[in-house]
Amino acid sequence: MLNDTQILTIALASVPATVAVLVGILVNNARLSDLRGHLDARFNAIDVRFEEMKDLWRSELHRVEEVLDARLKHLEER
């Protein structure tokens, strides 16, 4: 059985390691939150670029459709 001095020694020896682990967890959590915010911003920027490309393709396809319609009308008139 352990006496009071041995229990106190074990407790005091484990406190610095426990504090170091807790500080490490808090620091890593803060860094992960920063990383998550950075990734969210990048994905939002990519979403904006996809929307811009979708709008560009839509306008280009509309233009092609108008050209084809004009050519078909021209052929039908012949």
PDB file of N, CA and C in Angstrom:
ATOM      1  N   MET A   1       0.833  -1.166   0.000  1.00  0.00           N
ATOM      2  CA  MET A   1       0.000   0.000   0.000  1.00  0.00           C
ATOM      3  C   MET A   1       0.886   1.240   0.000  1.00  0.00           C
ATOM      4  N   LEU A   2       0.415   2.266  -0.663  1.00  0.00           N
ATOM      5  CA  LEU A   2       1.177   3.509  -0.756  1.00  0.00           C
ATOM      6  C   LEU A   2       0.886   4.402   0.442  1.00  0.00           C
ATOM      7  N   ASN A   3       1.952   5.053   0.902  1.00  0.00           N
ATOM      8  CA  ASN A   3       1.711   6.003   1.988  1.00  0.00           C
ATOM      9  C   ASN A   3       1.445   7.390   1.391  1.00  0.00           C
ATOM     10  N   ASP A   4       1.165   8.343   2.246  1.00  0.00           N
ATOM     11  CA  ASP A   4       0.773   9.673   1.787  1.00  0.00           C
ATOM     12  C   ASP A   4       1.887  10.369   1.012  1.00  0.00           C
ATOM     13  N   THR A   5       3.115  10.175   1.415  1.00  0.00           N
ATOM     14  CA  THR A   5       4.235  10.802   0.729  1.00  0.00           C
ATOM     15  C   THR A   5       4.383  10.264  -0.688  1.00  0.00           C
ATOM     16  N   GLN A   6       4.225   8.972  -0.865  1.00  0.00           N
ATOM     17  CA  GLN A   6       4.334   8.374  -2.195  1.00  0.00           C
ATOM     18  C   GLN A   6       3.189   8.845  -3.096  1.00  0.00           C
ATOM     19  N   ILE A   7       1.996   8.952  -2.560  1.00  0.00           N
ATOM     20  CA  ILE A   7       0.845   9.420  -3.334  1.00  0.00           C
ATOM     21  C   ILE A   7       1.070  10.870  -3.767  1.00  0.00           C
ATOM     22  N   LEU A   8       1.570  11.688  -2.853  1.00  0.00           N
ATOM     23  CA  LEU A   8       1.853  13.090  -3.166  1.00  0.00           C
ATOM     24  C   LEU A   8       2.937  13.196  -4.225  1.00  0.00           C
ATOM     25  N   THR A   9       3.971  12.378  -4.137  1.00  0.00           N
ATOM     26  CA  THR A   9       5.052  12.380  -5.116  1.00  0.00           C
ATOM     27  C   THR A   9       4.541  11.993  -6.499  1.00  0.00           C
ATOM     28  N   ILE A  10       3.713  10.979  -6.560  1.00  0.00           N
ATOM     29  CA  ILE A  10       3.147  10.537  -7.843  1.00  0.00           C
ATOM     30  C   ILE A  10       2.244  11.624  -8.423  1.00  0.00           C
ATOM     31  N   ALA A  11       1.433  12.241  -7.585  1.00  0.00           N
ATOM     32  CA  ALA A  11       0.527  13.298  -8.031  1.00  0.00           C
ATOM     33  C   ALA A  11       1.315  14.492  -8.561  1.00  0.00           C
ATOM     34  N   LEU A  12       2.344  14.906  -7.823  1.00  0.00           N
ATOM     35  CA  LEU A  12       3.150  16.050  -8.257  1.00  0.00           C
ATOM     36  C   LEU A  12       3.946  15.738  -9.521  1.00  0.00           C
ATOM     37  N   ALA A  13       4.322  14.500  -9.689  1.00  0.00           N
ATOM     38  CA  ALA A  13       5.081  14.119 -10.878  1.00  0.00           C
ATOM     39  C   ALA A  13       4.184  14.091 -12.117  1.00  0.00           C
ATOM     40  N   SER A  14       2.915  13.774 -11.941  1.00  0.00           N
ATOM     41  CA  SER A  14       2.021  13.662 -13.093  1.00  0.00           C
ATOM     42  C   SER A  14       1.380  14.993 -13.482  1.00  0.00           C
ATOM     43  N   VAL A  15       1.389  15.980 -12.586  1.00  0.00           N
ATOM     44  CA  VAL A  15       0.745  17.269 -12.879  1.00  0.00           C
ATOM     45  C   VAL A  15       1.396  17.983 -14.068  1.00  0.00           C
ATOM     46  N   PRO A  16       2.712  18.134 -14.146  1.00  0.00           N
ATOM     47  CA  PRO A  16       3.292  18.848 -15.301  1.00  0.00           C
ATOM     48  C   PRO A  16       2.980  18.164 -16.644  1.00  0.00           C
ATOM     49  N   ALA A  17       3.027  16.838 -16.631  1.00  0.00           N
ATOM     50  CA  ALA A  17       2.725  16.133 -17.876  1.00  0.00           C
ATOM     51  C   ALA A  17       1.265  16.344 -18.260  1.00  0.00           C
ATOM     52  N   THR A  18       0.370  16.301 -17.305  1.00  0.00           N
ATOM     53  CA  THR A  18      -1.051  16.509 -17.575  1.00  0.00           C
ATOM     54  C   THR A  18      -1.300  17.927 -18.088  1.00  0.00           C
ATOM     55  N   VAL A  19      -0.676  18.903 -17.469  1.00  0.00           N
ATOM     56  CA  VAL A  19      -0.826  20.298 -17.910  1.00  0.00           C
ATOM     57  C   VAL A  19      -0.271  20.465 -19.320  1.00  0.00           C
ATOM     58  N   ALA A  20       0.865  19.857 -19.601  1.00  0.00           N
ATOM     59  CA  ALA A  20       1.454  19.951 -20.945  1.00  0.00           C
ATOM     60  C   ALA A  20       0.526  19.345 -21.995  1.00  0.00           C
ATOM     61  N   VAL A  21      -0.074  18.225 -21.674  1.00  0.00           N
ATOM     62  CA  VAL A  21      -1.007  17.590 -22.616  1.00  0.00           C
ATOM     63  C   VAL A  21      -2.224  18.477 -22.835  1.00  0.00           C
ATOM     64  N   LEU A  22      -2.776  19.040 -21.773  1.00  0.00           N
ATOM     65  CA  LEU A  22      -3.945  19.911 -21.904  1.00  0.00           C
ATOM     66  C   LEU A  22      -3.625  21.165 -22.719  1.00  0.00           C
ATOM     67  N   VAL A  23      -2.459  21.755 -22.488  1.00  0.00           N
ATOM     68  CA  VAL A  23      -2.053  22.928 -23.274  1.00  0.00           C
ATOM     69  C   VAL A  23      -1.896  22.537 -24.742  1.00  0.00           C
ATOM     70  N   GLY A  24      -1.316  21.391 -25.005  1.00  0.00           N
ATOM     71  CA  GLY A  24      -1.169  20.921 -26.384  1.00  0.00           C
ATOM     72  C   GLY A  24      -2.513  20.720 -27.067  1.00  0.00           C
ATOM     73  N   ILE A  25      -3.466  20.180 -26.340  1.00  0.00           N
ATOM     74  CA  ILE A  25      -4.814  19.983 -26.900  1.00  0.00           C
ATOM     75  C   ILE A  25      -5.440  21.330 -27.243  1.00  0.00           C
ATOM     76  N   LEU A  26      -5.322  22.295 -26.355  1.00  0.00           N
ATOM     77  CA  LEU A  26      -5.902  23.617 -26.610  1.00  0.00           C
ATOM     78  C   LEU A  26      -5.241  24.310 -27.792  1.00  0.00           C
ATOM     79  N   VAL A  27      -3.926  24.211 -27.883  1.00  0.00           N
ATOM     80  CA  VAL A  27      -3.207  24.833 -29.008  1.00  0.00           C
ATOM     81  C   VAL A  27      -3.606  24.168 -30.318  1.00  0.00           C
ATOM     82  N   ASN A  28      -3.664  22.850 -30.346  1.00  0.00           N
ATOM     83  CA  ASN A  28      -4.054  22.144 -31.569  1.00  0.00           C
ATOM     84  C   ASN A  28      -5.485  22.470 -31.962  1.00  0.00           C
ATOM     85  N   ASN A  29      -6.366  22.589 -30.990  1.00  0.00           N
ATOM     86  CA  ASN A  29      -7.756  22.931 -31.274  1.00  0.00           C
ATOM     87  C   ASN A  29      -7.845  24.317 -31.910  1.00  0.00           C
ATOM     88  N   ALA A  30      -7.076  25.266 -31.395  1.00  0.00           N
ATOM     89  CA  ALA A  30      -7.071  26.616 -31.956  1.00  0.00           C
ATOM     90  C   ALA A  30      -6.520  26.599 -33.384  1.00  0.00           C
ATOM     91  N   ARG A  31      -5.468  25.829 -33.605  1.00  0.00           N
ATOM     92  CA  ARG A  31      -4.886  25.751 -34.953  1.00  0.00           C
ATOM     93  C   ARG A  31      -5.843  25.086 -35.926  1.00  0.00           C
ATOM     94  N   LEU A  32      -6.565  24.058 -35.476  1.00  0.00           N
ATOM     95  CA  LEU A  32      -7.540  23.400 -36.342  1.00  0.00           C
ATOM     96  C   LEU A  32      -8.694  24.343 -36.684  1.00  0.00           C
ATOM     97  N   SER A  33      -9.088  25.167 -35.736  1.00  0.00           N
ATOM     98  CA  SER A  33     -10.150  26.142 -36.008  1.00  0.00           C
ATOM     99  C   SER A  33      -9.690  27.141 -37.058  1.00  0.00           C
ATOM    100  N   ASP A  34      -8.448  27.602 -36.950  1.00  0.00           N
ATOM    101  CA  ASP A  34      -7.898  28.517 -37.956  1.00  0.00           C
ATOM    102  C   ASP A  34      -7.840  27.846 -39.315  1.00  0.00           C
ATOM    103  N   LEU A  35      -7.400  26.591 -39.343  1.00  0.00           N
ATOM    104  CA  LEU A  35      -7.316  25.852 -40.597  1.00  0.00           C
ATOM    105  C   LEU A  35      -8.697  25.662 -41.194  1.00  0.00           C
ATOM    106  N   ARG A  36      -9.670  25.347 -40.372  1.00  0.00           N
ATOM    107  CA  ARG A  36     -11.042  25.147 -40.857  1.00  0.00           C
ATOM    108  C   ARG A  36     -11.571  26.441 -41.480  1.00  0.00           C
ATOM    109  N   GLY A  37     -11.303  27.572 -40.840  1.00  0.00           N
ATOM    110  CA  GLY A  37     -11.725  28.862 -41.394  1.00  0.00           C
ATOM    111  C   GLY A  37     -11.050  29.144 -42.724  1.00  0.00           C
ATOM    112  N   HIS A  38      -9.779  28.827 -42.819  1.00  0.00           N
ATOM    113  CA  HIS A  38      -9.030  29.036 -44.069  1.00  0.00           C
ATOM    114  C   HIS A  38      -9.586  28.139 -45.177  1.00  0.00           C
ATOM    115  N   LEU A  39      -9.859  26.889 -44.848  1.00  0.00           N
ATOM    116  CA  LEU A  39     -10.405  25.970 -45.850  1.00  0.00           C
ATOM    117  C   LEU A  39     -11.797  26.395 -46.295  1.00  0.00           C
ATOM    118  N   ASP A  40     -12.611  26.862 -45.354  1.00  0.00           N
ATOM    119  CA  ASP A  40     -13.946  27.349 -45.715  1.00  0.00           C
ATOM    120  C   ASP A  40     -13.855  28.521 -46.687  1.00  0.00           C
ATOM    121  N   ALA A  41     -12.927  29.426 -46.433  1.00  0.00           N
ATOM    122  CA  ALA A  41     -12.757  30.581 -47.317  1.00  0.00           C
ATOM    123  C   ALA A  41     -12.316  30.134 -48.707  1.00  0.00           C
ATOM    124  N   ARG A  42     -11.413  29.172 -48.772  1.00  0.00           N
ATOM    125  CA  ARG A  42     -10.950  28.698 -50.085  1.00  0.00           C
ATOM    126  C   ARG A  42     -12.049  27.986 -50.852  1.00  0.00           C
ATOM    127  N   PHE A  43     -12.828  27.154 -50.149  1.00  0.00           N
ATOM    128  CA  PHE A  43     -13.924  26.473 -50.827  1.00  0.00           C
ATOM    129  C   PHE A  43     -14.991  27.456 -51.287  1.00  0.00           C
ATOM    130  N   ASN A  44     -15.233  28.501 -50.507  1.00  0.00           N
ATOM    131  CA  ASN A  44     -16.183  29.521 -50.934  1.00  0.00           C
ATOM    132  C   ASN A  44     -15.684  30.237 -52.186  1.00  0.00           C
ATOM    133  N   ALA A  45     -14.393  30.493 -52.258  1.00  0.00           N
ATOM    134  CA  ALA A  45     -13.819  31.123 -53.449  1.00  0.00           C
ATOM    135  C   ALA A  45     -13.962  30.202 -54.665  1.00  0.00           C
ATOM    136  N   ILE A  46     -13.780  28.926 -54.460  1.00  0.00           N
ATOM    137  CA  ILE A  46     -13.937  27.966 -55.564  1.00  0.00           C
ATOM    138  C   ILE A  46     -15.395  27.915 -56.001  1.00  0.00           C
ATOM    139  N   ASP A  47     -16.317  27.952 -55.044  1.00  0.00           N
ATOM    140  CA  ASP A  47     -17.740  27.974 -55.390  1.00  0.00           C
ATOM    141  C   ASP A  47     -18.077  29.193 -56.242  1.00  0.00           C
ATOM    142  N   VAL A  48     -17.524  30.341 -55.883  1.00  0.00           N
ATOM    143  CA  VAL A  48     -17.764  31.558 -56.658  1.00  0.00           C
ATOM    144  C   VAL A  48     -17.228  31.388 -58.071  1.00  0.00           C
ATOM    145  N   ARG A  49     -16.041  30.810 -58.208  1.00  0.00           N
ATOM    146  CA  ARG A  49     -15.468  30.605 -59.547  1.00  0.00           C
ATOM    147  C   ARG A  49     -16.325  29.658 -60.372  1.00  0.00           C
ATOM    148  N   PHE A  50     -16.855  28.599 -59.753  1.00  0.00           N
ATOM    149  CA  PHE A  50     -17.731  27.686 -60.484  1.00  0.00           C
ATOM    150  C   PHE A  50     -19.005  28.392 -60.939  1.00  0.00           C
ATOM    151  N   GLU A  51     -19.560  29.222 -60.084  1.00  0.00           N
ATOM    152  CA  GLU A  51     -20.758  29.969 -60.470  1.00  0.00           C
ATOM    153  C   GLU A  51     -20.457  30.913 -61.633  1.00  0.00           C
ATOM    154  N   GLU A  52     -19.304  31.566 -61.598  1.00  0.00           N
ATOM    155  CA  GLU A  52     -18.916  32.451 -62.696  1.00  0.00           C
ATOM    156  C   GLU A  52     -18.747  31.663 -63.994  1.00  0.00           C
ATOM    157  N   MET A  53     -18.126  30.494 -63.895  1.00  0.00           N
ATOM    158  CA  MET A  53     -17.943  29.672 -65.096  1.00  0.00           C
ATOM    159  C   MET A  53     -19.290  29.171 -65.616  1.00  0.00           C
ATOM    160  N   LYS A  54     -20.189  28.833 -64.713  1.00  0.00           N
ATOM    161  CA  LYS A  54     -21.512  28.373 -65.133  1.00  0.00           C
ATOM    162  C   LYS A  54     -22.247  29.487 -65.871  1.00  0.00           C
ATOM    163  N   ASP A  55     -22.156  30.713 -65.346  1.00  0.00           N
ATOM    164  CA  ASP A  55     -22.788  31.846 -66.017  1.00  0.00           C
ATOM    165  C   ASP A  55     -22.158  32.107 -67.376  1.00  0.00           C
ATOM    166  N   LEU A  56     -20.837  31.980 -67.462  1.00  0.00           N
ATOM    167  CA  LEU A  56     -20.144  32.179 -68.739  1.00  0.00           C
ATOM    168  C   LEU A  56     -20.587  31.135 -69.749  1.00  0.00           C
ATOM    169  N   TRP A  57     -20.628  29.882 -69.349  1.00  0.00           N
ATOM    170  CA  TRP A  57     -21.059  28.808 -70.260  1.00  0.00           C
ATOM    171  C   TRP A  57     -22.505  29.009 -70.690  1.00  0.00           C
ATOM    172  N   ARG A  58     -23.323  29.413 -69.757  1.00  0.00           N
ATOM    173  CA  ARG A  58     -24.729  29.642 -70.079  1.00  0.00           C
ATOM    174  C   ARG A  58     -24.865  30.736 -71.144  1.00  0.00           C
ATOM    175  N   SER A  59     -24.121  31.825 -70.988  1.00  0.00           N
ATOM    176  CA  SER A  59     -24.195  32.914 -71.969  1.00  0.00           C
ATOM    177  C   SER A  59     -23.615  32.481 -73.321  1.00  0.00           C
ATOM    178  N   GLU A  60     -22.533  31.727 -73.290  1.00  0.00           N
ATOM    179  CA  GLU A  60     -21.945  31.249 -74.548  1.00  0.00           C
ATOM    180  C   GLU A  60     -22.881  30.283 -75.260  1.00  0.00           C
ATOM    181  N   LEU A  61     -23.512  29.398 -74.534  1.00  0.00           N
ATOM    182  CA  LEU A  61     -24.451  28.460 -75.147  1.00  0.00           C
ATOM    183  C   LEU A  61     -25.675  29.187 -75.695  1.00  0.00           C
ATOM    184  N   HIS A  62     -26.095  30.235 -75.007  1.00  0.00           N
ATOM    185  CA  HIS A  62     -27.209  31.035 -75.517  1.00  0.00           C
ATOM    186  C   HIS A  62     -26.826  31.701 -76.841  1.00  0.00           C
ATOM    187  N   ARG A  63     -25.612  32.203 -76.912  1.00  0.00           N
ATOM    188  CA  ARG A  63     -25.127  32.831 -78.142  1.00  0.00           C
ATOM    189  C   ARG A  63     -25.072  31.812 -79.281  1.00  0.00           C
ATOM    190  N   VAL A  64     -24.585  30.611 -79.004  1.00  0.00           N
ATOM    191  CA  VAL A  64     -24.516  29.560 -80.026  1.00  0.00           C
ATOM    192  C   VAL A  64     -25.924  29.185 -80.478  1.00  0.00           C
ATOM    193  N   GLU A  65     -26.841  29.113 -79.532  1.00  0.00           N
ATOM    194  CA  GLU A  65     -28.228  28.796 -79.878  1.00  0.00           C
ATOM    195  C   GLU A  65     -28.814  29.854 -80.804  1.00  0.00           C
ATOM    196  N   GLU A  66     -28.528  31.115 -80.547  1.00  0.00           N
ATOM    197  CA  GLU A  66     -29.025  32.184 -81.415  1.00  0.00           C
ATOM    198  C   GLU A  66     -28.439  32.086 -82.814  1.00  0.00           C
ATOM    199  N   VAL A  67     -27.146  31.774 -82.897  1.00  0.00           N
ATOM    200  CA  VAL A  67     -26.500  31.629 -84.209  1.00  0.00           C
ATOM    201  C   VAL A  67     -27.119  30.464 -84.968  1.00  0.00           C
ATOM    202  N   LEU A  68     -27.327  29.346 -84.298  1.00  0.00           N
ATOM    203  CA  LEU A  68     -27.932  28.183 -84.955  1.00  0.00           C
ATOM    204  C   LEU A  68     -29.362  28.476 -85.394  1.00  0.00           C
ATOM    205  N   ASP A  69     -30.115  29.172 -84.562  1.00  0.00           N
ATOM    206  CA  ASP A  69     -31.478  29.541 -84.948  1.00  0.00           C
ATOM    207  C   ASP A  69     -31.472  30.418 -86.195  1.00  0.00           C
ATOM    208  N   ALA A  70     -30.554  31.377 -86.237  1.00  0.00           N
ATOM    209  CA  ALA A  70     -30.476  32.258 -87.403  1.00  0.00           C
ATOM    210  C   ALA A  70     -30.115  31.464 -88.652  1.00  0.00           C
ATOM    211  N   ARG A  71     -29.205  30.538 -88.535  1.00  0.00           N
ATOM    212  CA  ARG A  71     -28.818  29.727 -89.694  1.00  0.00           C
ATOM    213  C   ARG A  71     -29.962  28.823 -90.147  1.00  0.00           C
ATOM    214  N   LEU A  72     -30.683  28.250 -89.190  1.00  0.00           N
ATOM    215  CA  LEU A  72     -31.822  27.407 -89.550  1.00  0.00           C
ATOM    216  C   LEU A  72     -32.912  28.221 -90.241  1.00  0.00           C
ATOM    217  N   LYS A  73     -33.183  29.418 -89.765  1.00  0.00           N
ATOM    218  CA  LYS A  73     -34.167  30.280 -90.422  1.00  0.00           C
ATOM    219  C   LYS A  73     -33.734  30.605 -91.835  1.00  0.00           C
ATOM    220  N   HIS A  74     -32.431  30.854 -91.990  1.00  0.00           N
ATOM    221  CA  HIS A  74     -31.917  31.162 -93.312  1.00  0.00           C
ATOM    222  C   HIS A  74     -32.094  29.962 -94.259  1.00  0.00           C
ATOM    223  N   LEU A  75     -31.829  28.769 -93.750  1.00  0.00           N
ATOM    224  CA  LEU A  75     -31.998  27.568 -94.580  1.00  0.00           C
ATOM    225  C   LEU A  75     -33.467  27.316 -94.884  1.00  0.00           C
ATOM    226  N   GLU A  76     -34.349  27.574 -93.926  1.00  0.00           N
ATOM    227  CA  GLU A  76     -35.764  27.352 -94.146  1.00  0.00           C
ATOM    228  C   GLU A  76     -36.333  28.321 -95.184  1.00  0.00           C
ATOM    229  N   GLU A  77     -35.781  29.514 -95.251  1.00  0.00           N
ATOM    230  CA  GLU A  77     -36.249  30.511 -96.215  1.00  0.00           C
ATOM    231  C   GLU A  77     -35.854  30.175 -97.633  1.00  0.00           C
ATOM    232  N   ARG A  78     -34.862  29.364 -97.815  1.00  0.00           N
ATOM    233  CA  ARG A  78     -34.405  29.017 -99.165  1.00  0.00           C
ATOM    234  C   ARG A  78     -35.381  28.145 -99.814  1.00  0.00           C
TER     235      ARG A  78
END
